[in-house]
């Protein structure tokens, strides 16, 4: 049981450490998805 707690803590620490990069990647992916969806809707009009 203590092993899973340790894993979760290290995972949380890793996420906290990389949170800025994760947020940036998510934001870029959202922008790309929005642009692609705009192009797709224009293509079908």
N, C-alpha and C. Protein backbone atom coordinates (compact mmCIF):
# COMPACT_ATOMS: atom_id res chain seq x y z
N UNK A 1 0.83 -1.21 0.00
CA UNK A 1 0.00 0.00 0.00
C UNK A 1 0.86 1.26 0.00
N UNK A 2 1.93 1.26 0.80
CA UNK A 2 2.81 2.43 0.85
C UNK A 2 3.50 2.65 -0.50
N UNK A 3 3.65 1.57 -1.28
CA UNK A 3 4.28 1.67 -2.59
C UNK A 3 3.43 2.51 -3.55
N UNK A 4 2.11 2.29 -3.54
CA UNK A 4 1.23 3.07 -4.43
C UNK A 4 1.18 4.53 -4.00
N UNK A 5 1.22 4.78 -2.70
CA UNK A 5 1.24 6.16 -2.20
C UNK A 5 2.52 6.85 -2.68
N UNK A 6 3.63 6.13 -2.61
CA UNK A 6 4.91 6.67 -3.07
C UNK A 6 4.86 6.97 -4.57
N UNK A 7 4.27 6.05 -5.34
CA UNK A 7 4.14 6.26 -6.79
C UNK A 7 3.29 7.48 -7.09
N UNK A 8 2.16 7.61 -6.38
CA UNK A 8 1.28 8.75 -6.60
C UNK A 8 1.97 10.06 -6.23
N UNK A 9 2.75 10.06 -5.16
CA UNK A 9 3.45 11.27 -4.74
C UNK A 9 4.50 11.67 -5.76
N UNK A 10 5.27 10.69 -6.26
CA UNK A 10 6.29 11.00 -7.26
C UNK A 10 5.65 11.47 -8.56
N UNK A 11 4.51 10.87 -8.91
CA UNK A 11 3.78 11.29 -10.11
C UNK A 11 3.28 12.72 -9.95
N UNK A 12 2.77 13.04 -8.76
CA UNK A 12 2.30 14.40 -8.48
C UNK A 12 3.44 15.40 -8.54
N UNK A 13 4.59 15.02 -7.97
CA UNK A 13 5.77 15.88 -7.99
C UNK A 13 6.23 16.11 -9.42
N UNK A 14 6.24 15.06 -10.22
CA UNK A 14 6.64 15.15 -11.63
C UNK A 14 5.68 16.07 -12.39
N UNK A 15 4.37 15.89 -12.16
CA UNK A 15 3.36 16.73 -12.82
C UNK A 15 3.54 18.18 -12.40
N UNK A 16 3.79 18.40 -11.09
CA UNK A 16 3.98 19.75 -10.58
C UNK A 16 5.21 20.40 -11.19
N UNK A 17 6.26 19.59 -11.36
CA UNK A 17 7.52 20.09 -11.93
C UNK A 17 7.34 20.48 -13.40
N UNK A 18 6.58 19.66 -14.13
CA UNK A 18 6.42 19.87 -15.58
C UNK A 18 5.12 20.59 -15.94
N UNK A 19 4.41 21.14 -14.91
CA UNK A 19 3.08 21.70 -15.17
C UNK A 19 3.09 22.81 -16.21
N UNK A 20 4.13 23.64 -16.23
CA UNK A 20 4.20 24.73 -17.21
C UNK A 20 4.28 24.19 -18.63
N UNK A 21 5.13 23.17 -18.82
CA UNK A 21 5.29 22.56 -20.14
C UNK A 21 4.00 21.84 -20.55
N UNK A 22 3.37 21.15 -19.60
CA UNK A 22 2.11 20.44 -19.88
C UNK A 22 1.02 21.43 -20.29
N UNK A 23 0.93 22.57 -19.57
CA UNK A 23 -0.07 23.59 -19.90
C UNK A 23 0.20 24.17 -21.28
N UNK A 24 1.46 24.44 -21.59
CA UNK A 24 1.83 24.99 -22.90
C UNK A 24 1.46 24.02 -24.01
N UNK A 25 1.79 22.74 -23.84
CA UNK A 25 1.49 21.73 -24.86
C UNK A 25 -0.02 21.60 -25.05
N UNK A 26 -0.78 21.62 -23.96
CA UNK A 26 -2.24 21.53 -24.04
C UNK A 26 -2.81 22.74 -24.77
N UNK A 27 -2.27 23.93 -24.47
CA UNK A 27 -2.74 25.16 -25.11
C UNK A 27 -2.45 25.13 -26.61
N UNK A 28 -1.24 24.71 -26.98
CA UNK A 28 -0.86 24.63 -28.40
C UNK A 28 -1.76 23.61 -29.11
N UNK A 29 -2.00 22.48 -28.46
CA UNK A 29 -2.86 21.45 -29.06
C UNK A 29 -4.28 21.97 -29.25
N UNK A 30 -4.79 22.76 -28.29
CA UNK A 30 -6.13 23.33 -28.40
C UNK A 30 -6.20 24.32 -29.56
N UNK A 31 -5.17 25.15 -29.71
CA UNK A 31 -5.12 26.12 -30.80
C UNK A 31 -5.08 25.40 -32.15
N UNK A 32 -4.24 24.37 -32.25
CA UNK A 32 -4.14 23.60 -33.50
C UNK A 32 -5.49 22.95 -33.82
N UNK A 33 -6.15 22.39 -32.81
CA UNK A 33 -7.46 21.76 -33.02
C UNK A 33 -8.49 22.78 -33.50
N UNK A 34 -8.46 23.99 -32.92
CA UNK A 34 -9.40 25.04 -33.33
C UNK A 34 -9.16 25.45 -34.77
N UNK A 35 -7.89 25.63 -35.14
CA UNK A 35 -7.55 26.03 -36.52
C UNK A 35 -7.97 24.94 -37.50
N UNK A 36 -7.69 23.69 -37.16
CA UNK A 36 -8.04 22.57 -38.04
C UNK A 36 -9.56 22.49 -38.20
N UNK A 37 -10.30 22.66 -37.11
CA UNK A 37 -11.77 22.59 -37.20
C UNK A 37 -12.32 23.74 -38.04
N UNK A 38 -11.70 24.91 -37.97
CA UNK A 38 -12.12 26.03 -38.82
C UNK A 38 -11.90 25.71 -40.29
N UNK A 39 -10.74 25.14 -40.60
CA UNK A 39 -10.45 24.76 -41.99
C UNK A 39 -11.43 23.70 -42.49
N UNK A 40 -11.76 22.74 -41.63
CA UNK A 40 -12.67 21.66 -42.02
C UNK A 40 -14.07 22.23 -42.31
N UNK A 41 -14.57 23.13 -41.44
CA UNK A 41 -15.91 23.70 -41.66
C UNK A 41 -15.92 24.56 -42.92
N UNK A 42 -14.86 25.28 -43.20
CA UNK A 42 -14.79 26.09 -44.43
C UNK A 42 -14.79 25.20 -45.66
N UNK A 43 -14.14 24.05 -45.57
CA UNK A 43 -14.05 23.13 -46.70
C UNK A 43 -15.42 22.57 -47.07
N UNK A 44 -16.26 22.31 -46.06
CA UNK A 44 -17.56 21.69 -46.32
C UNK A 44 -18.66 22.70 -46.65
N UNK A 45 -18.40 23.99 -46.51
CA UNK A 45 -19.45 25.00 -46.78
C UNK A 45 -19.70 25.17 -48.26
